């Protein structure tokens, strides 16, 4: 072989060596990558079950349901509100409409106090027998001893149904005086038949 060709091959070899050396230098400049150690697997025994811990769940705060505000009943209202309401109901008791009167009596029956009881007692002498019956029923539910004597006095009513409702109210209120009056009316027959002409309960 000629010397020129051998020289050329040697030159190429030296260039290639330089390139490889240069590439190695470039590689050496790169930062070494830190290798993380692989996680050790827990050796599972044959036939043994690995219990998995349940994932923790955040408990949501349970909000208590908001209770709707109830309107104050007539019994819980202040004395001022009670007195103004009674005044309005007394005006309704003077209405020509019977249903308005009965509604006012029902409201009075749910109001505490002697004033409401007095107005209900006044309704025992109303011209409409349904008003008298409903007033007696409210007085019987209130069980106020203040109504015993007015109910006894009204046991000579012309209507049998009214007399029976008065007697029922006296039984609900109870007491020796009320029971004695009802027994006397039963013996006299005032709670069974129409009131005989010329006869009175207190006669």
N, C-alpha and C. Protein backbone atom coordinates (compact mmCIF):
# COMPACT_ATOMS: atom_id res chain seq x y z
N UNK A 1 0.84 -1.19 0.00
CA UNK A 1 0.00 0.00 0.00
C UNK A 1 0.87 1.23 0.00
N UNK A 2 0.39 2.31 -0.63
CA UNK A 2 1.16 3.55 -0.64
C UNK A 2 1.12 4.20 0.72
N UNK A 3 2.16 5.01 1.01
CA UNK A 3 2.30 5.67 2.31
C UNK A 3 1.22 6.73 2.53
N UNK A 4 0.79 7.35 1.41
CA UNK A 4 -0.25 8.41 1.52
C UNK A 4 -1.53 7.86 2.09
N UNK A 5 -1.94 6.70 1.65
CA UNK A 5 -3.19 6.10 2.13
C UNK A 5 -3.09 5.70 3.59
N UNK A 6 -1.93 5.23 4.03
CA UNK A 6 -1.77 4.85 5.43
C UNK A 6 -1.79 6.06 6.34
N UNK A 7 -1.20 7.13 5.81
CA UNK A 7 -1.23 8.38 6.59
C UNK A 7 -2.65 8.90 6.73
N UNK A 8 -3.43 8.79 5.66
CA UNK A 8 -4.83 9.27 5.70
C UNK A 8 -5.65 8.47 6.69
N UNK A 9 -5.42 7.17 6.71
CA UNK A 9 -6.17 6.32 7.63
C UNK A 9 -5.80 6.61 9.06
N UNK A 10 -4.50 6.88 9.30
CA UNK A 10 -4.07 7.22 10.64
C UNK A 10 -4.69 8.54 11.10
N UNK A 11 -4.80 9.50 10.13
CA UNK A 11 -5.39 10.81 10.46
C UNK A 11 -6.86 10.66 10.83
N UNK A 12 -7.55 9.80 10.07
CA UNK A 12 -8.97 9.55 10.38
C UNK A 12 -9.14 8.91 11.73
N UNK A 13 -8.21 7.99 12.03
CA UNK A 13 -8.29 7.31 13.31
C UNK A 13 -8.06 8.25 14.46
N UNK A 14 -7.15 9.16 14.27
CA UNK A 14 -6.89 10.14 15.33
C UNK A 14 -8.08 11.07 15.51
N UNK A 15 -8.72 11.44 14.40
CA UNK A 15 -9.92 12.30 14.48
C UNK A 15 -11.05 11.59 15.18
N UNK A 16 -11.23 10.33 14.85
CA UNK A 16 -12.28 9.55 15.49
C UNK A 16 -12.03 9.42 16.96
N UNK A 17 -10.75 9.21 17.34
CA UNK A 17 -10.42 9.12 18.75
C UNK A 17 -10.72 10.42 19.46
N UNK A 18 -10.39 11.54 18.76
CA UNK A 18 -10.68 12.85 19.36
C UNK A 18 -12.17 13.04 19.57
N UNK A 19 -12.96 12.60 18.58
CA UNK A 19 -14.43 12.74 18.70
C UNK A 19 -14.94 11.94 19.87
N UNK A 20 -14.45 10.73 20.02
CA UNK A 20 -14.92 9.90 21.13
C UNK A 20 -14.51 10.48 22.45
N UNK A 21 -13.28 11.01 22.48
CA UNK A 21 -12.82 11.65 23.72
C UNK A 21 -13.66 12.87 24.03
N UNK A 22 -13.99 13.62 22.96
CA UNK A 22 -14.85 14.80 23.17
C UNK A 22 -16.22 14.43 23.66
N UNK A 23 -16.78 13.36 23.09
CA UNK A 23 -18.10 12.91 23.53
C UNK A 23 -18.07 12.46 24.96
N UNK A 24 -16.98 11.79 25.36
CA UNK A 24 -16.86 11.36 26.74
C UNK A 24 -16.80 12.54 27.67
N UNK A 25 -16.12 13.56 27.26
CA UNK A 25 -16.04 14.77 28.07
C UNK A 25 -17.41 15.42 28.24
N UNK A 26 -18.20 15.43 27.17
CA UNK A 26 -19.55 16.00 27.25
C UNK A 26 -20.39 15.19 28.22
N UNK A 27 -20.26 13.86 28.12
CA UNK A 27 -21.01 13.00 29.03
C UNK A 27 -20.59 13.20 30.47
N UNK A 28 -19.33 13.45 30.70
CA UNK A 28 -18.84 13.64 32.06
C UNK A 28 -19.37 14.92 32.68
N UNK A 29 -19.70 15.87 31.83
CA UNK A 29 -20.22 17.14 32.34
C UNK A 29 -21.63 16.99 32.89
N UNK A 30 -22.42 16.00 32.43
CA UNK A 30 -23.78 15.80 32.90
C UNK A 30 -23.81 15.39 34.36
N UNK A 31 -24.83 15.93 35.10
CA UNK A 31 -24.95 15.61 36.51
C UNK A 31 -25.41 14.17 36.68
N UNK A 32 -24.81 13.50 37.62
CA UNK A 32 -25.21 12.09 37.80
C UNK A 32 -26.62 11.99 38.38
N UNK A 33 -27.42 11.11 37.81
CA UNK A 33 -28.80 10.92 38.24
C UNK A 33 -28.82 10.03 39.47
N UNK A 34 -29.47 10.53 40.53
CA UNK A 34 -29.56 9.76 41.78
C UNK A 34 -30.59 8.67 41.64
N UNK A 35 -30.16 7.49 41.86
CA UNK A 35 -31.07 6.35 41.78
C UNK A 35 -31.69 6.10 43.14
N UNK A 36 -33.04 6.11 43.13
CA UNK A 36 -33.76 5.84 44.38
C UNK A 36 -33.84 4.35 44.61
N UNK A 37 -33.66 3.98 45.82
CA UNK A 37 -33.70 2.56 46.15
C UNK A 37 -35.11 2.03 46.00
N UNK A 38 -35.29 0.94 45.36
CA UNK A 38 -36.65 0.37 45.18
C UNK A 38 -37.26 -0.01 46.52
N UNK A 39 -38.56 0.23 46.62
CA UNK A 39 -39.28 -0.09 47.85
C UNK A 39 -39.29 -1.58 48.08
N UNK A 40 -38.99 -1.93 49.30
CA UNK A 40 -38.95 -3.34 49.66
C UNK A 40 -40.36 -3.91 49.76
N UNK A 41 -40.56 -4.94 49.08
CA UNK A 41 -41.86 -5.60 49.13
C UNK A 41 -41.92 -6.51 50.34
N UNK A 42 -43.04 -6.43 51.00
CA UNK A 42 -43.23 -7.28 52.17
C UNK A 42 -43.49 -8.69 51.71
N UNK A 43 -42.67 -9.56 52.20
CA UNK A 43 -42.81 -10.97 51.81
C UNK A 43 -44.11 -11.51 52.37
N UNK A 44 -44.95 -11.95 51.48
CA UNK A 44 -46.24 -12.49 51.89
C UNK A 44 -46.10 -13.99 52.16
N UNK A 45 -46.54 -14.36 53.30
CA UNK A 45 -46.52 -15.77 53.65
C UNK A 45 -47.65 -16.48 52.95
N UNK A 46 -47.37 -17.70 52.64
CA UNK A 46 -48.40 -18.50 51.98
C UNK A 46 -49.55 -18.77 52.94
N UNK A 47 -50.78 -18.48 52.46
CA UNK A 47 -51.96 -18.74 53.28
C UNK A 47 -52.31 -17.61 54.23
N UNK A 48 -51.43 -16.60 54.35
CA UNK A 48 -51.72 -15.47 55.26
C UNK A 48 -52.28 -14.32 54.46
N UNK A 49 -53.32 -13.74 54.97
CA UNK A 49 -53.98 -12.62 54.30
C UNK A 49 -53.48 -11.31 54.88
N UNK A 50 -53.09 -10.45 54.01
CA UNK A 50 -52.60 -9.14 54.44
C UNK A 50 -53.79 -8.22 54.63
N UNK A 51 -53.93 -7.73 55.83
CA UNK A 51 -55.04 -6.83 56.15
C UNK A 51 -54.74 -5.43 55.66
N UNK A 52 -55.61 -4.97 54.83
CA UNK A 52 -55.45 -3.61 54.32
C UNK A 52 -56.12 -2.63 55.26
N UNK A 53 -55.40 -1.58 55.59
CA UNK A 53 -55.96 -0.55 56.45
C UNK A 53 -56.97 0.29 55.67
N UNK A 54 -58.14 0.47 56.24
CA UNK A 54 -59.14 1.28 55.51
C UNK A 54 -58.69 2.72 55.39
N UNK A 55 -58.97 3.24 54.22
CA UNK A 55 -58.57 4.64 53.98
C UNK A 55 -59.37 5.57 54.88
N UNK A 56 -58.67 6.50 55.46
CA UNK A 56 -59.32 7.45 56.37
C UNK A 56 -60.16 8.44 55.57
N UNK A 57 -61.41 8.51 55.93
CA UNK A 57 -62.32 9.45 55.27
C UNK A 57 -62.64 10.60 56.20
N UNK A 58 -62.64 11.73 55.67
CA UNK A 58 -62.95 12.91 56.48
C UNK A 58 -64.44 12.96 56.79
N UNK A 59 -64.72 13.02 58.07
CA UNK A 59 -66.12 13.09 58.50
C UNK A 59 -66.65 14.49 58.31
N UNK A 60 -67.75 14.54 57.58
CA UNK A 60 -68.38 15.84 57.37
C UNK A 60 -69.21 16.23 58.59
N UNK A 61 -69.10 17.45 58.94
CA UNK A 61 -69.86 17.94 60.10
C UNK A 61 -71.34 17.97 59.76
N UNK A 62 -72.11 17.21 60.54
CA UNK A 62 -73.55 17.13 60.29
C UNK A 62 -74.22 18.36 60.91
N UNK A 63 -74.86 19.10 60.06
CA UNK A 63 -75.55 20.29 60.54
C UNK A 63 -76.93 19.91 61.06
N UNK A 64 -77.22 20.40 62.22
CA UNK A 64 -78.53 20.13 62.80
C UNK A 64 -79.60 20.87 62.02
N UNK A 65 -80.71 20.20 61.72
CA UNK A 65 -81.76 20.87 60.94
C UNK A 65 -82.33 22.08 61.67
N UNK A 66 -82.52 23.12 60.92
CA UNK A 66 -83.05 24.35 61.52
C UNK A 66 -84.54 24.19 61.73
N UNK A 67 -84.94 24.28 62.97
CA UNK A 67 -86.35 24.13 63.29
C UNK A 67 -87.10 25.43 63.00
N UNK A 68 -88.23 25.31 62.32
CA UNK A 68 -88.98 26.54 62.04
C UNK A 68 -89.53 27.16 63.30
N UNK A 69 -89.48 28.44 63.34
CA UNK A 69 -89.98 29.14 64.52
C UNK A 69 -91.50 29.08 64.59
N UNK A 70 -91.97 28.62 65.70
CA UNK A 70 -93.42 28.53 65.87
C UNK A 70 -93.96 29.85 66.37
N UNK A 71 -95.15 30.13 65.89
CA UNK A 71 -95.79 31.35 66.35
C UNK A 71 -96.21 31.18 67.81
N UNK A 72 -96.02 32.18 68.62
CA UNK A 72 -96.39 32.06 70.04
C UNK A 72 -97.89 31.85 70.19
N UNK A 73 -98.25 30.89 71.03
CA UNK A 73 -99.66 30.62 71.27
C UNK A 73 -100.27 31.74 72.10
N UNK A 74 -101.59 31.72 72.19
CA UNK A 74 -102.27 32.78 72.93
C UNK A 74 -101.93 32.73 74.41
N UNK A 75 -101.58 31.52 74.90
CA UNK A 75 -101.26 31.38 76.31
C UNK A 75 -99.91 31.99 76.65
N UNK A 76 -98.99 32.05 75.68
CA UNK A 76 -97.65 32.52 75.93
C UNK A 76 -97.46 34.00 75.60
N UNK A 77 -98.46 34.64 75.13
CA UNK A 77 -98.32 36.04 74.78
C UNK A 77 -98.33 36.92 76.02
N UNK A 78 -97.82 38.10 75.87
CA UNK A 78 -97.72 39.02 77.00
C UNK A 78 -99.11 39.49 77.42
N UNK A 79 -99.16 40.07 78.62
CA UNK A 79 -100.45 40.54 79.16
C UNK A 79 -101.03 41.66 78.30
N UNK A 80 -100.15 42.49 77.74
CA UNK A 80 -100.63 43.60 76.90
C UNK A 80 -101.26 43.07 75.62
N UNK A 81 -100.59 42.11 74.98
CA UNK A 81 -101.15 41.51 73.77
C UNK A 81 -102.45 40.77 74.07
N UNK A 82 -102.49 40.12 75.22
CA UNK A 82 -103.70 39.37 75.61
C UNK A 82 -104.88 40.30 75.80
N UNK A 83 -104.64 41.43 76.44
CA UNK A 83 -105.75 42.36 76.71
C UNK A 83 -106.28 42.98 75.42
N UNK A 84 -105.37 43.33 74.50
CA UNK A 84 -105.82 43.90 73.21
C UNK A 84 -106.58 42.86 72.41
N UNK A 85 -106.14 41.61 72.47
CA UNK A 85 -106.84 40.55 71.75
C UNK A 85 -108.23 40.31 72.33
N UNK A 86 -108.34 40.33 73.64
CA UNK A 86 -109.64 40.13 74.27
C UNK A 86 -110.60 41.25 73.88
N UNK A 87 -110.09 42.47 73.82
CA UNK A 87 -110.93 43.60 73.41
C UNK A 87 -111.46 43.40 71.99
N UNK A 88 -110.61 42.90 71.10
CA UNK A 88 -111.05 42.65 69.72
C UNK A 88 -112.08 41.53 69.67
N UNK A 89 -111.89 40.50 70.49
CA UNK A 89 -112.83 39.38 70.50
C UNK A 89 -114.18 39.77 71.09
N UNK A 90 -114.16 40.68 72.05
CA UNK A 90 -115.42 41.16 72.64
C UNK A 90 -116.25 41.89 71.58
N UNK A 91 -115.58 42.63 70.70
CA UNK A 91 -116.29 43.30 69.60
C UNK A 91 -116.90 42.27 68.65
N UNK A 92 -116.17 41.17 68.42
CA UNK A 92 -116.70 40.11 67.55
C UNK A 92 -117.90 39.41 68.18
N UNK A 93 -117.93 39.36 69.52
CA UNK A 93 -119.08 38.74 70.21
C UNK A 93 -120.37 39.52 69.98
N UNK A 94 -120.26 40.77 69.61
CA UNK A 94 -121.44 41.61 69.35
C UNK A 94 -121.87 41.57 67.89
N UNK A 95 -121.19 40.75 67.09
CA UNK A 95 -121.52 40.67 65.67
C UNK A 95 -122.85 39.97 65.45
N UNK A 96 -123.53 40.34 64.35
CA UNK A 96 -124.80 39.69 64.00
C UNK A 96 -124.58 38.31 63.37
N UNK A 97 -123.35 38.08 62.91
CA UNK A 97 -123.03 36.79 62.29
C UNK A 97 -122.73 35.77 63.40
N UNK A 98 -123.48 34.68 63.40
CA UNK A 98 -123.32 33.66 64.44
C UNK A 98 -121.95 32.99 64.37
N UNK A 99 -121.44 32.76 63.14
CA UNK A 99 -120.15 32.12 62.99
C UNK A 99 -119.02 32.98 63.55
N UNK A 100 -119.16 34.30 63.42
CA UNK A 100 -118.16 35.22 63.98
C UNK A 100 -118.17 35.12 65.50
N UNK A 101 -119.35 35.03 66.07
CA UNK A 101 -119.46 34.90 67.54
C UNK A 101 -118.85 33.59 68.02
N UNK A 102 -119.17 32.51 67.32
CA UNK A 102 -118.63 31.21 67.71
C UNK A 102 -117.10 31.18 67.60
N UNK A 103 -116.58 31.82 66.55
CA UNK A 103 -115.13 31.90 66.40
C UNK A 103 -114.47 32.68 67.53
N UNK A 104 -115.11 33.77 67.94
CA UNK A 104 -114.59 34.58 69.05
C UNK A 104 -114.61 33.79 70.36
N UNK A 105 -115.66 32.98 70.56
CA UNK A 105 -115.75 32.15 71.77
C UNK A 105 -114.63 31.11 71.79
N UNK A 106 -114.36 30.53 70.61
CA UNK A 106 -113.27 29.54 70.52
C UNK A 106 -111.91 30.15 70.86
N UNK A 107 -111.67 31.37 70.40
CA UNK A 107 -110.40 32.05 70.72
C UNK A 107 -110.33 32.42 72.20
N UNK A 108 -111.45 32.86 72.76
CA UNK A 108 -111.46 33.19 74.19
C UNK A 108 -111.18 31.97 75.05
N UNK A 109 -111.65 30.82 74.60
CA UNK A 109 -111.42 29.59 75.36
C UNK A 109 -109.95 29.22 75.45
N UNK A 110 -109.12 29.71 74.51
CA UNK A 110 -107.69 29.39 74.52
C UNK A 110 -106.84 30.46 75.20
N UNK A 111 -107.47 31.46 75.77
CA UNK A 111 -106.74 32.53 76.45
C UNK A 111 -106.88 32.36 77.96
N UNK A 112 -105.75 32.39 78.64
CA UNK A 112 -105.77 32.28 80.10
C UNK A 112 -106.23 33.59 80.72
N UNK A 113 -106.72 33.49 81.94
CA UNK A 113 -107.07 34.70 82.68
C UNK A 113 -108.55 34.77 83.01
N UNK A 114 -108.83 35.48 84.08
CA UNK A 114 -110.21 35.61 84.55
C UNK A 114 -111.05 36.47 83.62
N UNK A 115 -110.40 37.39 82.90
CA UNK A 115 -111.14 38.27 81.99
C UNK A 115 -111.82 37.46 80.88
N UNK A 116 -111.08 36.51 80.29
CA UNK A 116 -111.66 35.67 79.24
C UNK A 116 -112.78 34.81 79.80
N UNK A 117 -112.61 34.31 81.02
CA UNK A 117 -113.65 33.50 81.65
C UNK A 117 -114.92 34.32 81.87
N UNK A 118 -114.77 35.56 82.27
CA UNK A 118 -115.94 36.43 82.51
C UNK A 118 -116.73 36.68 81.23
N UNK A 119 -116.03 36.88 80.13
CA UNK A 119 -116.72 37.11 78.85
C UNK A 119 -117.42 35.83 78.37
N UNK A 120 -116.83 34.68 78.63
CA UNK A 120 -117.49 33.42 78.27
C UNK A 120 -118.74 33.20 79.12
N UNK A 121 -118.67 33.57 80.39
CA UNK A 121 -119.86 33.46 81.26
C UNK A 121 -120.97 34.36 80.76
N UNK A 122 -120.59 35.53 80.27
CA UNK A 122 -121.60 36.45 79.71
C UNK A 122 -122.31 35.88 78.50
N UNK A 123 -121.62 34.99 77.76
CA UNK A 123 -122.22 34.38 76.57
C UNK A 123 -123.28 33.33 76.93
N UNK A 124 -123.35 32.92 78.21
CA UNK A 124 -124.37 31.94 78.61
C UNK A 124 -125.78 32.50 78.50
N UNK A 125 -125.90 33.82 78.48
CA UNK A 125 -127.22 34.46 78.36
C UNK A 125 -127.46 35.00 76.94
N UNK A 126 -126.67 34.54 75.97
CA UNK A 126 -126.82 35.01 74.59
C UNK A 126 -128.15 34.55 74.01
N UNK A 127 -128.69 35.33 73.06
CA UNK A 127 -130.00 35.02 72.48
C UNK A 127 -129.96 33.78 71.58
N UNK A 128 -128.77 33.44 71.08
CA UNK A 128 -128.64 32.29 70.18
C UNK A 128 -128.19 31.07 70.99
N UNK A 129 -128.97 29.99 70.85
CA UNK A 129 -128.71 28.83 71.70
C UNK A 129 -127.37 28.16 71.37
N UNK A 130 -126.93 28.23 70.09
CA UNK A 130 -125.64 27.64 69.73
C UNK A 130 -124.48 28.37 70.42
N UNK A 131 -124.63 29.67 70.58
CA UNK A 131 -123.60 30.46 71.27
C UNK A 131 -123.55 30.05 72.74
N UNK A 132 -124.72 29.82 73.34
CA UNK A 132 -124.77 29.40 74.75
C UNK A 132 -124.13 28.03 74.94
N UNK A 133 -124.44 27.11 74.01
CA UNK A 133 -123.88 25.76 74.09
C UNK A 133 -122.36 25.78 73.95
N UNK A 134 -121.87 26.53 72.97
CA UNK A 134 -120.42 26.56 72.73
C UNK A 134 -119.68 27.24 73.88
N UNK A 135 -120.29 28.28 74.44
CA UNK A 135 -119.67 28.97 75.59
C UNK A 135 -119.59 28.03 76.80
N UNK A 136 -120.65 27.23 77.02
CA UNK A 136 -120.63 26.27 78.13
C UNK A 136 -119.55 25.20 77.92
N UNK A 137 -119.40 24.77 76.68
CA UNK A 137 -118.37 23.77 76.38
C UNK A 137 -116.97 24.31 76.66
N UNK A 138 -116.73 25.57 76.30
CA UNK A 138 -115.41 26.18 76.56
C UNK A 138 -115.16 26.35 78.05
N UNK A 139 -116.20 26.70 78.79
CA UNK A 139 -116.05 26.84 80.25
C UNK A 139 -115.77 25.49 80.90
N UNK A 140 -116.41 24.44 80.38
CA UNK A 140 -116.15 23.11 80.91
C UNK A 140 -114.72 22.66 80.68
N UNK A 141 -114.14 23.01 79.53
CA UNK A 141 -112.76 22.65 79.23
C UNK A 141 -111.77 23.45 80.08
N UNK A 142 -112.14 24.68 80.40
CA UNK A 142 -111.24 25.52 81.22
C UNK A 142 -111.21 25.05 82.68
N UNK A 143 -112.33 24.46 83.13
CA UNK A 143 -112.44 23.94 84.50
C UNK A 143 -112.15 25.02 85.54
N UNK A 144 -112.71 26.18 85.28
CA UNK A 144 -112.55 27.30 86.21
C UNK A 144 -113.73 27.28 87.18
N UNK A 145 -113.43 27.21 88.47
CA UNK A 145 -114.49 27.16 89.49
C UNK A 145 -115.37 28.41 89.48
N UNK A 146 -114.85 29.46 88.89
CA UNK A 146 -115.62 30.71 88.82
C UNK A 146 -116.89 30.54 87.99
N UNK A 147 -116.90 29.56 87.08
CA UNK A 147 -118.04 29.37 86.18
C UNK A 147 -119.10 28.43 86.75
N UNK A 148 -118.87 27.85 87.92
CA UNK A 148 -119.81 26.86 88.47
C UNK A 148 -121.17 27.48 88.76
N UNK A 149 -121.18 28.54 89.52
CA UNK A 149 -122.47 29.15 89.90
C UNK A 149 -123.24 29.70 88.69
N UNK A 150 -122.61 30.43 87.75
CA UNK A 150 -123.34 30.87 86.57
C UNK A 150 -123.94 29.72 85.76
N UNK A 151 -123.22 28.59 85.68
CA UNK A 151 -123.76 27.44 84.96
C UNK A 151 -124.95 26.82 85.69
N UNK A 152 -124.88 26.80 87.01
CA UNK A 152 -126.01 26.28 87.81
C UNK A 152 -127.23 27.18 87.62
N UNK A 153 -127.00 28.48 87.63
CA UNK A 153 -128.12 29.43 87.45
C UNK A 153 -128.76 29.30 86.07
N UNK A 154 -127.95 28.89 85.09
CA UNK A 154 -128.46 28.79 83.71
C UNK A 154 -129.03 27.41 83.39
N UNK A 155 -129.11 26.50 84.38
CA UNK A 155 -129.63 25.16 84.14
C UNK A 155 -131.14 25.15 83.89
N UNK A 156 -131.79 26.30 84.11
CA UNK A 156 -133.24 26.38 83.83
C UNK A 156 -133.50 26.94 82.43
N UNK A 157 -132.54 26.77 81.54
CA UNK A 157 -132.68 27.28 80.17
C UNK A 157 -133.86 26.60 79.48
N UNK A 158 -134.47 27.31 78.54
CA UNK A 158 -135.66 26.79 77.84
C UNK A 158 -135.32 25.65 76.89
N UNK A 159 -134.06 25.56 76.44
CA UNK A 159 -133.66 24.52 75.49
C UNK A 159 -133.07 23.32 76.23
N UNK A 160 -133.54 22.12 75.87
CA UNK A 160 -133.02 20.90 76.48
C UNK A 160 -131.54 20.71 76.15
N UNK A 161 -131.16 21.01 74.91
CA UNK A 161 -129.76 20.83 74.50
C UNK A 161 -128.83 21.77 75.26
N UNK A 162 -129.32 22.96 75.54
CA UNK A 162 -128.51 23.93 76.30
C UNK A 162 -128.35 23.44 77.73
N UNK A 163 -129.43 22.94 78.32
CA UNK A 163 -129.36 22.45 79.70
C UNK A 163 -128.40 21.27 79.81
N UNK A 164 -128.45 20.39 78.83
CA UNK A 164 -127.54 19.25 78.83
C UNK A 164 -126.08 19.68 78.69
N UNK A 165 -125.84 20.67 77.85
CA UNK A 165 -124.46 21.16 77.68
C UNK A 165 -123.97 21.85 78.96
N UNK A 166 -124.88 22.55 79.65
CA UNK A 166 -124.50 23.19 80.93
C UNK A 166 -124.16 22.12 81.97
N UNK A 167 -125.01 21.07 82.03
CA UNK A 167 -124.76 19.98 82.99
C UNK A 167 -123.43 19.27 82.67
N UNK A 168 -123.14 19.09 81.38
CA UNK A 168 -121.88 18.44 80.99
C UNK A 168 -120.68 19.30 81.39
N UNK A 169 -120.82 20.61 81.25
CA UNK A 169 -119.73 21.52 81.66
C UNK A 169 -119.50 21.45 83.16
N UNK A 170 -120.58 21.35 83.93
CA UNK A 170 -120.44 21.24 85.39
C UNK A 170 -119.75 19.93 85.79
N UNK A 171 -120.06 18.86 85.07
CA UNK A 171 -119.41 17.58 85.36
C UNK A 171 -117.92 17.67 85.06
N UNK A 172 -117.55 18.34 83.98
CA UNK A 172 -116.13 18.48 83.63
C UNK A 172 -115.37 19.32 84.65
N UNK A 173 -116.02 20.37 85.14
CA UNK A 173 -115.37 21.22 86.15
C UNK A 173 -115.21 20.46 87.45
N UNK A 174 -116.23 19.73 87.82
CA UNK A 174 -116.17 18.91 89.03
C UNK A 174 -116.38 19.71 90.30
N UNK A 175 -116.32 19.04 91.40
CA UNK A 175 -116.56 19.68 92.70
C UNK A 175 -117.90 19.27 93.27
N UNK A 176 -118.02 19.35 94.60
CA UNK A 176 -119.26 18.93 95.28
C UNK A 176 -120.46 19.76 94.85
N UNK A 177 -120.27 21.06 94.74
CA UNK A 177 -121.38 21.95 94.39
C UNK A 177 -121.90 21.65 92.98
N UNK A 178 -121.01 21.46 92.04
CA UNK A 178 -121.40 21.18 90.65
C UNK A 178 -122.10 19.83 90.55
N UNK A 179 -121.57 18.81 91.21
CA UNK A 179 -122.17 17.48 91.16
C UNK A 179 -123.56 17.46 91.79
N UNK A 180 -123.72 18.19 92.87
CA UNK A 180 -125.02 18.26 93.55
C UNK A 180 -126.07 18.90 92.66
N UNK A 181 -125.68 19.96 91.94
CA UNK A 181 -126.62 20.65 91.05
C UNK A 181 -127.03 19.75 89.88
N UNK A 182 -126.09 19.01 89.33
CA UNK A 182 -126.39 18.12 88.20
C UNK A 182 -127.30 16.98 88.65
N UNK A 183 -127.04 16.44 89.81
CA UNK A 183 -127.87 15.35 90.34
C UNK A 183 -129.30 15.82 90.59
N UNK A 184 -129.42 17.02 91.10
CA UNK A 184 -130.75 17.60 91.36
C UNK A 184 -131.51 17.79 90.06
N UNK A 185 -130.80 18.23 89.00
CA UNK A 185 -131.44 18.44 87.69
C UNK A 185 -131.86 17.10 87.09
N UNK A 186 -131.08 16.08 87.28
CA UNK A 186 -131.42 14.75 86.75
C UNK A 186 -132.66 14.19 87.46
N UNK A 187 -132.74 14.34 88.78
CA UNK A 187 -133.90 13.84 89.54
C UNK A 187 -135.17 14.58 89.13
N UNK A 188 -135.04 15.87 88.90
CA UNK A 188 -136.20 16.69 88.51
C UNK A 188 -136.60 16.46 87.06
N UNK A 189 -135.74 15.78 86.28
CA UNK A 189 -136.08 15.49 84.88
C UNK A 189 -135.75 16.61 83.92
N UNK A 190 -134.98 17.59 84.34
CA UNK A 190 -134.67 18.72 83.48
C UNK A 190 -133.66 18.37 82.37
N UNK A 191 -132.98 17.25 82.51
CA UNK A 191 -131.98 16.88 81.51
C UNK A 191 -132.48 15.80 80.56
N UNK A 192 -133.77 15.40 80.74
CA UNK A 192 -134.33 14.36 79.89
C UNK A 192 -135.42 14.89 78.97
N UNK A 193 -136.36 15.63 79.52
CA UNK A 193 -137.49 16.15 78.74
C UNK A 193 -137.45 17.66 78.73
N UNK A 194 -138.32 18.23 77.92
CA UNK A 194 -138.44 19.69 77.92
C UNK A 194 -138.90 20.16 79.30
N UNK A 195 -138.46 21.35 79.64
CA UNK A 195 -138.79 21.90 80.97
C UNK A 195 -140.31 22.03 81.11
N UNK A 196 -140.89 21.37 82.09
CA UNK A 196 -142.35 21.47 82.27
C UNK A 196 -142.76 22.92 82.55
N UNK A 197 -143.91 23.27 82.06
CA UNK A 197 -144.40 24.65 82.21
C UNK A 197 -144.63 24.97 83.71
N UNK A 198 -144.10 26.08 84.13
CA UNK A 198 -144.28 26.52 85.50
C UNK A 198 -143.27 25.96 86.48
N UNK A 199 -142.39 25.08 86.00
CA UNK A 199 -141.40 24.49 86.89
C UNK A 199 -140.04 25.14 86.69
N UNK A 200 -139.28 25.24 87.77
CA UNK A 200 -137.92 25.77 87.72
C UNK A 200 -137.02 24.83 88.49
N UNK A 201 -135.79 24.86 88.11
CA UNK A 201 -134.83 23.98 88.75
C UNK A 201 -134.64 24.30 90.23
N UNK A 202 -134.65 25.59 90.56
CA UNK A 202 -134.44 26.00 91.95
C UNK A 202 -135.76 26.05 92.74
N UNK A 203 -136.87 25.60 92.15
CA UNK A 203 -138.15 25.69 92.81
C UNK A 203 -138.45 24.51 93.72
